[in-house]
């Protein structure tokens, strides 16, 4: 029997998930904390996960903001780069010290005394941003009805940033995040300076640990809600249908419909 487009897409995605090859994400693998909910959702015949992130801390240097004589938000494509990224809350405390000691992938010059005159900063200044980004999950659904059920389930768990996009793709998101500037790039000597103290960075670390914990609780709540309200409900419904004993009248009606369908196909084949 020919598979429809959704089943073909799901089969392809599951093959990628189960593969030992590095995927196209910056990390190259699925976050371990996402695996339980991914397996749960993918056990449903009408849903398949397409991308995910369990939550991460990062320190990012903005890219060049000048383009065609206009000021724009910088990004990796214009010289922006990650100075530190981790999906593990155990890496939150101590990242700053490892960064200035050159123990991470990129050794940089970073001095808390190199703050410069911040009154001279403008729209062209390339900032160093400290970020905590929470759990996010994208799920492709067979149809809008399934997408709506998943969306409503996520919303009921507090994932208020969720939405349904084209092709019944549900984005499950929550607003547990941090995004603050902590430094800047001095382009005269290509060095990075901070305009916050190490004490302030320690405060950010404590706030991030709290957000990691809140994020984990929300992921667990979402898992339990999907398991109860979608997976188990549909399994129970399917079980009731399969255990139903067909009555004489139901069998007669079914056979009649099957006969009419055969007649229609034979007629089409001879035309």
Protein backbone atom coordinates (compact mmCIF):
# COMPACT_ATOMS: atom_id res chain seq x y z
CA UNK A 1 0.00 0.00 0.00
CA UNK A 2 1.33 3.43 -0.98
CA UNK A 3 2.24 5.67 1.95
CA UNK A 4 0.91 9.22 2.06
CA UNK A 5 3.26 12.19 2.32
CA UNK A 6 3.06 12.42 6.12
CA UNK A 7 3.95 8.75 6.64
CA UNK A 8 6.85 9.06 4.20
CA UNK A 9 8.13 12.17 6.01
CA UNK A 10 7.82 10.50 9.41
CA UNK A 11 9.66 7.41 8.23
CA UNK A 12 12.49 9.58 6.92
CA UNK A 13 12.73 11.62 10.14
CA UNK A 14 12.73 8.53 12.36
CA UNK A 15 15.53 7.14 10.24
CA UNK A 16 17.59 10.27 10.89
CA UNK A 17 16.82 10.19 14.62
CA UNK A 18 17.91 6.56 14.91
CA UNK A 19 21.03 7.13 12.80
CA UNK A 20 24.49 7.29 14.35
CA UNK A 21 25.47 10.05 11.92
CA UNK A 22 25.94 13.64 13.14
CA UNK A 23 22.82 15.72 12.41
CA UNK A 24 22.66 19.25 10.96
CA UNK A 25 22.21 21.05 14.30
CA UNK A 26 25.15 23.07 15.74
CA UNK A 27 25.49 20.46 18.50
CA UNK A 28 25.26 17.56 16.05
CA UNK A 29 23.15 15.32 18.30
CA UNK A 30 19.78 15.34 20.05
CA UNK A 31 19.88 16.61 23.64
CA UNK A 32 19.57 13.69 26.05
CA UNK A 33 16.90 15.51 28.08
CA UNK A 34 14.71 15.73 24.97
CA UNK A 35 14.80 12.00 24.19
CA UNK A 36 11.92 10.90 26.51
CA UNK A 37 9.40 13.38 25.09
CA UNK A 38 10.64 12.80 21.54
CA UNK A 39 10.09 9.05 21.89
CA UNK A 40 6.67 9.64 23.45
CA UNK A 41 5.45 11.92 20.67
CA UNK A 42 6.91 9.75 17.91
CA UNK A 43 5.03 6.75 19.29
CA UNK A 44 1.83 8.42 18.07
CA UNK A 45 0.99 7.59 14.43
CA UNK A 46 -0.08 11.16 13.65
CA UNK A 47 2.90 13.13 15.05
CA UNK A 48 6.65 13.30 14.50
CA UNK A 49 9.28 15.60 16.01
CA UNK A 50 11.40 17.61 13.57
CA UNK A 51 13.76 19.60 15.84
CA UNK A 52 14.37 20.21 19.53
CA UNK A 53 16.52 21.85 22.19
CA UNK A 54 16.31 21.03 25.88
CA UNK A 55 17.51 24.50 26.91
CA UNK A 56 20.94 26.09 26.86
CA UNK A 57 23.22 28.82 28.19
CA UNK A 58 25.32 30.76 25.72
CA UNK A 59 27.61 33.76 25.42
CA UNK A 60 27.47 35.28 21.95
CA UNK A 61 29.42 38.06 20.25
CA UNK A 62 27.23 39.95 17.81
CA UNK A 63 28.30 40.25 14.19
CA UNK A 64 28.89 43.36 12.13
CA UNK A 65 25.83 45.62 12.07
CA UNK A 66 26.66 47.64 8.97
CA UNK A 67 25.14 46.42 5.72
CA UNK A 68 24.59 48.54 2.60
CA UNK A 69 25.07 51.69 4.68
CA UNK A 70 22.31 50.59 7.07
CA UNK A 71 22.51 49.45 10.70
CA UNK A 72 21.09 46.00 11.31
CA UNK A 73 21.15 43.33 13.99
CA UNK A 74 24.35 41.28 13.81
CA UNK A 75 24.49 37.53 13.42
CA UNK A 76 26.91 34.66 12.92
CA UNK A 77 26.99 35.27 9.18
CA UNK A 78 28.47 38.77 9.69
CA UNK A 79 31.28 37.80 12.04
CA UNK A 80 29.20 36.92 15.08
CA UNK A 81 30.40 33.90 17.02
CA UNK A 82 29.63 31.78 20.06
CA UNK A 83 32.10 32.25 22.89
CA UNK A 84 30.46 29.62 25.08
CA UNK A 85 27.52 27.22 24.66
CA UNK A 86 26.25 24.41 26.89
CA UNK A 87 23.01 22.44 27.33
CA UNK A 88 24.18 21.15 30.72
CA UNK A 89 23.35 23.10 33.88
CA UNK A 90 26.50 21.69 35.47
CA UNK A 91 28.47 23.99 33.13
CA UNK A 92 26.75 27.16 34.33
CA UNK A 93 28.98 27.90 37.29
CA UNK A 94 32.58 28.64 36.28
CA UNK A 95 32.10 29.34 32.56
CA UNK A 96 33.47 32.88 32.94
CA UNK A 97 36.71 31.77 34.53
CA UNK A 98 37.25 29.10 31.88
CA UNK A 99 36.59 31.69 29.18
CA UNK A 100 39.16 34.22 30.35
CA UNK A 101 41.71 31.47 31.03
CA UNK A 102 41.39 30.25 27.45
CA UNK A 103 40.14 26.80 28.44
CA UNK A 104 37.25 26.83 25.96
CA UNK A 105 37.35 26.35 22.20
CA UNK A 106 38.25 29.96 21.49
CA UNK A 107 40.92 31.79 23.44
CA UNK A 108 40.09 35.46 23.72
CA UNK A 109 41.35 38.55 25.48
CA UNK A 110 38.80 39.55 28.07
CA UNK A 111 39.35 42.04 30.84
CA UNK A 112 36.83 43.46 33.31
CA UNK A 113 38.90 46.64 33.40
CA UNK A 114 38.58 47.15 29.63
CA UNK A 115 35.18 48.82 29.80
CA UNK A 116 35.96 51.95 27.80
CA UNK A 117 33.54 54.86 27.72
CA UNK A 118 30.10 53.31 27.35
CA UNK A 119 28.63 56.73 26.53
CA UNK A 120 30.23 56.36 23.10
CA UNK A 121 28.36 53.13 22.35
CA UNK A 122 25.80 53.32 19.54
CA UNK A 123 23.82 51.16 17.14
CA UNK A 124 27.06 49.92 15.55
CA UNK A 125 28.49 48.53 18.81
CA UNK A 126 28.91 44.76 18.76
CA UNK A 127 27.77 43.47 22.14
CA UNK A 128 28.62 40.30 24.03
CA UNK A 129 25.25 38.77 24.97
CA UNK A 130 24.62 36.37 27.85
CA UNK A 131 21.63 34.14 27.08
CA UNK A 132 19.56 31.41 28.58
CA UNK A 133 17.17 29.87 26.05
CA UNK A 134 14.54 27.37 27.25
CA UNK A 135 13.19 24.11 25.84
CA UNK A 136 11.75 24.24 22.33
CA UNK A 137 10.21 21.46 20.26
CA UNK A 138 8.83 21.35 16.73
CA UNK A 139 6.31 18.64 15.86
CA UNK A 140 4.83 17.91 12.44
CA UNK A 141 1.26 16.60 12.65
CA UNK A 142 -0.81 14.64 10.15
CA UNK A 143 -3.60 17.22 10.04
CA UNK A 144 -4.85 20.40 11.71
CA UNK A 145 -7.03 18.51 14.18
CA UNK A 146 -4.02 16.69 15.63
CA UNK A 147 -1.96 19.89 15.58
CA UNK A 148 -4.69 21.73 17.50
CA UNK A 149 -4.82 19.01 20.17
CA UNK A 150 -1.07 19.19 20.69
CA UNK A 151 -1.08 23.00 20.69
CA UNK A 152 -3.88 23.16 23.27
CA UNK A 153 -2.12 20.60 25.44
CA UNK A 154 1.10 22.63 25.39
CA UNK A 155 -0.76 25.87 26.15
CA UNK A 156 -2.47 24.26 29.14
CA UNK A 157 0.99 23.50 30.57
CA UNK A 158 2.11 27.12 30.33
CA UNK A 159 3.91 26.99 26.97
CA UNK A 160 2.35 30.32 25.98
CA UNK A 161 4.80 31.05 23.16
CA UNK A 162 3.58 28.04 21.19
CA UNK A 163 1.95 28.23 17.78
CA UNK A 164 0.82 26.31 14.70
CA UNK A 165 2.65 27.08 11.47
CA UNK A 166 2.28 25.93 7.89
CA UNK A 167 1.95 22.21 7.10
CA UNK A 168 0.52 21.61 10.61
CA UNK A 169 3.90 22.21 12.26
CA UNK A 170 3.51 22.90 15.99
CA UNK A 171 6.20 24.94 17.73
CA UNK A 172 6.15 24.32 21.49
CA UNK A 173 7.85 27.20 23.32
CA UNK A 174 7.91 28.85 26.71
CA UNK A 175 9.15 32.23 27.93
CA UNK A 176 11.78 31.20 30.49
CA UNK A 177 14.75 33.09 29.16
CA UNK A 178 17.53 35.59 29.76
CA UNK A 179 19.09 37.83 27.12
CA UNK A 180 21.30 40.60 28.46
CA UNK A 181 24.42 42.45 27.20
CA UNK A 182 27.45 42.01 29.43
CA UNK A 183 30.27 43.35 27.25
CA UNK A 184 31.35 44.63 23.86
CA UNK A 185 33.96 44.25 21.13
CA UNK A 186 36.66 46.93 20.96
CA UNK A 187 37.28 46.85 17.20
CA UNK A 188 40.41 49.00 17.50
CA UNK A 189 42.33 46.04 18.96
CA UNK A 190 39.83 43.17 18.54
CA UNK A 191 39.53 42.67 22.31
CA UNK A 192 36.44 42.05 24.39
CA UNK A 193 35.58 44.17 27.40
CA UNK A 194 32.97 43.81 30.10
CA UNK A 195 30.78 46.55 31.54
CA UNK A 196 29.51 44.31 34.37
CA UNK A 197 31.33 42.95 37.39
CA UNK A 198 32.19 39.33 38.16
CA UNK A 199 29.68 39.59 41.01
CA UNK A 200 26.97 40.44 38.47
CA UNK A 201 28.00 37.44 36.35
CA UNK A 202 27.66 35.23 39.44
CA UNK A 203 24.14 36.63 39.87
CA UNK A 204 23.35 35.71 36.25
CA UNK A 205 24.65 32.20 36.91
CA UNK A 206 22.30 31.81 39.89
CA UNK A 207 19.35 33.08 37.86
CA UNK A 208 20.24 30.67 35.05
CA UNK A 209 20.36 27.68 37.40
CA UNK A 210 16.86 28.58 38.58
CA UNK A 211 15.67 28.79 34.99
CA UNK A 212 17.24 25.41 34.16
CA UNK A 213 15.27 23.90 37.07
CA UNK A 214 12.01 25.62 36.06
CA UNK A 215 12.55 24.49 32.48
CA UNK A 216 13.06 20.87 33.57
CA UNK A 217 9.84 20.92 35.61
CA UNK A 218 7.90 22.29 32.64
CA UNK A 219 9.30 19.59 30.35
CA UNK A 220 8.16 16.92 32.80
CA UNK A 221 4.71 18.52 33.09
CA UNK A 222 4.37 18.61 29.30
CA UNK A 223 5.47 14.99 28.96
CA UNK A 224 2.88 13.83 31.50
CA UNK A 225 0.11 15.91 29.91
CA UNK A 226 0.79 14.62 26.38
CA UNK A 227 1.02 11.06 27.69
CA UNK A 228 -2.30 11.35 29.53
CA UNK A 229 -4.41 13.52 27.23
CA UNK A 230 -3.20 12.38 23.80
CA UNK A 231 -1.22 9.13 23.80
CA UNK A 232 -3.25 7.18 26.38
CA UNK A 233 -6.60 8.55 25.20
CA UNK A 234 -5.93 7.54 21.61
CA UNK A 235 -4.57 4.14 22.63
CA UNK A 236 -7.70 3.49 24.69
CA UNK A 237 -9.93 4.58 21.83
CA UNK A 238 -8.09 2.31 19.40
CA UNK A 239 -8.36 -0.57 21.86
CA UNK A 240 -12.12 -0.07 22.18
CA UNK A 241 -12.53 -0.07 18.41
CA UNK A 242 -10.43 -3.23 17.94
CA UNK A 243 -12.32 -5.07 20.69
CA UNK A 244 -15.73 -4.15 19.29
CA UNK A 245 -17.74 -7.14 18.05
CA UNK A 246 -19.35 -6.41 14.70
CA UNK A 247 -23.11 -6.90 14.68
CA UNK A 248 -25.01 -8.61 11.85
CA UNK A 249 -26.36 -5.28 10.61
CA UNK A 250 -22.92 -3.61 10.75
CA UNK A 251 -21.43 -6.50 8.78
CA UNK A 252 -24.23 -6.28 6.18
CA UNK A 253 -23.69 -2.55 5.73
CA UNK A 254 -19.92 -3.00 5.46
CA UNK A 255 -20.24 -5.76 2.86
CA UNK A 256 -22.67 -3.67 0.84
CA UNK A 257 -20.29 -0.70 0.82
CA UNK A 258 -17.39 -2.94 -0.17
CA UNK A 259 -19.45 -4.40 -3.03
CA UNK A 260 -20.44 -0.97 -4.31
CA UNK A 261 -16.83 0.18 -4.18
CA UNK A 262 -15.69 -2.87 -6.19
CA UNK A 263 -18.37 -2.19 -8.80
CA UNK A 264 -17.24 1.44 -9.10
CA UNK A 265 -13.61 0.47 -9.62
CA UNK A 266 -14.52 -2.17 -12.24
CA UNK A 267 -16.61 0.39 -14.09
CA UNK A 268 -13.75 2.88 -14.10
CA UNK A 269 -11.32 0.22 -15.35
CA UNK A 270 -13.52 -0.66 -18.35
CA UNK A 271 -14.13 2.91 -19.42
